[in-house]
Amino acid sequence: MTTFGDPFLEPGVLVRHPSQADWGLGQVQSAAGRKVTVNFEHAGKRTIDAGVVSLLVVGDDPRETDSRGHGPGAT
């Protein structure tokens, strides 16, 4: 059995869902194996299977990325 572990998906990390831009910015609440619970500003708490969906990690300043996860000046 393969275990999943993304060191960036830990409580407090800011993320965006790659195909749900309208959910807004999310903050990881917990991560257990592939299951990551995220509290999104417009969608509430959601449990994401990180083995299926690659959440976009946002830096300390959420203005660093747009809704598609691209940084400043990206087209």
Protein backbone atom coordinates (compact mmCIF):
# COMPACT_ATOMS: atom_id res chain seq x y z
CA MET A 1 0.00 0.00 0.00
CA THR A 2 1.37 3.40 -1.00
CA THR A 3 0.99 6.29 1.41
CA PHE A 4 0.55 9.86 0.31
CA GLY A 5 2.27 12.72 2.00
CA ASP A 6 2.57 16.25 0.68
CA PRO A 7 4.75 18.17 3.12
CA PHE A 8 3.18 21.45 1.97
CA LEU A 9 -0.35 20.44 2.93
CA GLU A 10 -0.28 21.00 6.66
CA PRO A 11 -2.68 22.94 8.90
CA GLY A 12 -2.57 26.68 8.28
CA VAL A 13 -1.34 26.52 4.68
CA LEU A 14 -3.31 28.65 2.22
CA VAL A 15 -4.49 26.88 -0.94
CA ARG A 16 -6.79 27.21 -3.92
CA HIS A 17 -8.70 24.43 -5.68
CA PRO A 18 -7.49 24.25 -9.30
CA SER A 19 -10.94 23.78 -10.86
CA GLN A 20 -13.11 25.61 -8.31
CA ALA A 21 -11.89 29.21 -8.45
CA ASP A 22 -15.24 30.43 -7.12
CA TRP A 23 -14.52 28.64 -3.80
CA GLY A 24 -11.90 31.32 -3.12
CA LEU A 25 -8.92 31.05 -0.84
CA GLY A 26 -8.80 28.07 1.47
CA GLN A 27 -6.89 27.25 4.63
CA VAL A 28 -5.87 23.67 5.37
CA GLN A 29 -7.47 22.53 8.62
CA SER A 30 -6.08 19.00 8.74
CA ALA A 31 -4.29 16.45 6.60
CA ALA A 32 -4.46 12.70 7.18
CA GLY A 33 -2.99 10.61 4.41
CA ARG A 34 -4.62 11.68 1.16
CA LYS A 35 -7.58 13.35 2.88
CA VAL A 36 -7.13 17.09 3.36
CA THR A 37 -9.81 19.21 5.04
CA VAL A 38 -9.81 22.78 3.78
CA ASN A 39 -11.95 25.71 4.88
CA PHE A 40 -12.67 27.76 1.73
CA GLU A 41 -13.89 31.35 2.05
CA HIS A 42 -16.89 30.83 -0.28
CA ALA A 43 -17.51 27.08 -0.02
CA GLY A 44 -16.92 26.29 3.65
CA LYS A 45 -15.15 23.14 4.81
CA ARG A 46 -14.44 20.56 2.14
CA THR A 47 -12.56 17.28 2.31
CA ILE A 48 -10.28 16.86 -0.67
CA ASP A 49 -8.57 13.67 -1.86
CA ALA A 50 -5.08 15.06 -2.51
CA GLY A 51 -4.27 11.97 -4.55
CA VAL A 52 -6.90 13.07 -7.07
CA VAL A 53 -6.84 16.89 -6.78
CA SER A 54 -3.56 18.80 -6.62
CA LEU A 55 -4.37 21.83 -4.51
CA LEU A 56 -2.47 24.98 -5.43
CA VAL A 57 -0.37 26.17 -2.51
CA VAL A 58 -0.49 29.94 -2.07
CA GLY A 59 2.38 31.81 -0.41
CA ASP A 60 2.02 33.75 2.83
CA ASP A 61 0.36 36.58 0.92
CA PRO A 62 -2.78 35.37 -0.94
CA ARG A 63 -2.33 38.21 -3.43
CA GLU A 64 0.71 36.31 -4.76
CA THR A 65 -1.51 34.18 -6.99
CA ASP A 66 -4.66 34.75 -8.99
CA SER A 67 -7.66 32.43 -9.01
CA ARG A 68 -5.83 30.05 -11.34
CA GLY A 69 -2.79 29.84 -9.07
CA HIS A 70 -0.61 32.08 -11.23
CA GLY A 71 1.69 34.69 -9.72
CA PRO A 72 1.83 38.43 -10.34
CA GLY A 73 2.23 39.41 -13.95
CA ALA A 74 1.23 35.96 -15.22
CA THR A 75 -0.94 35.83 -18.30
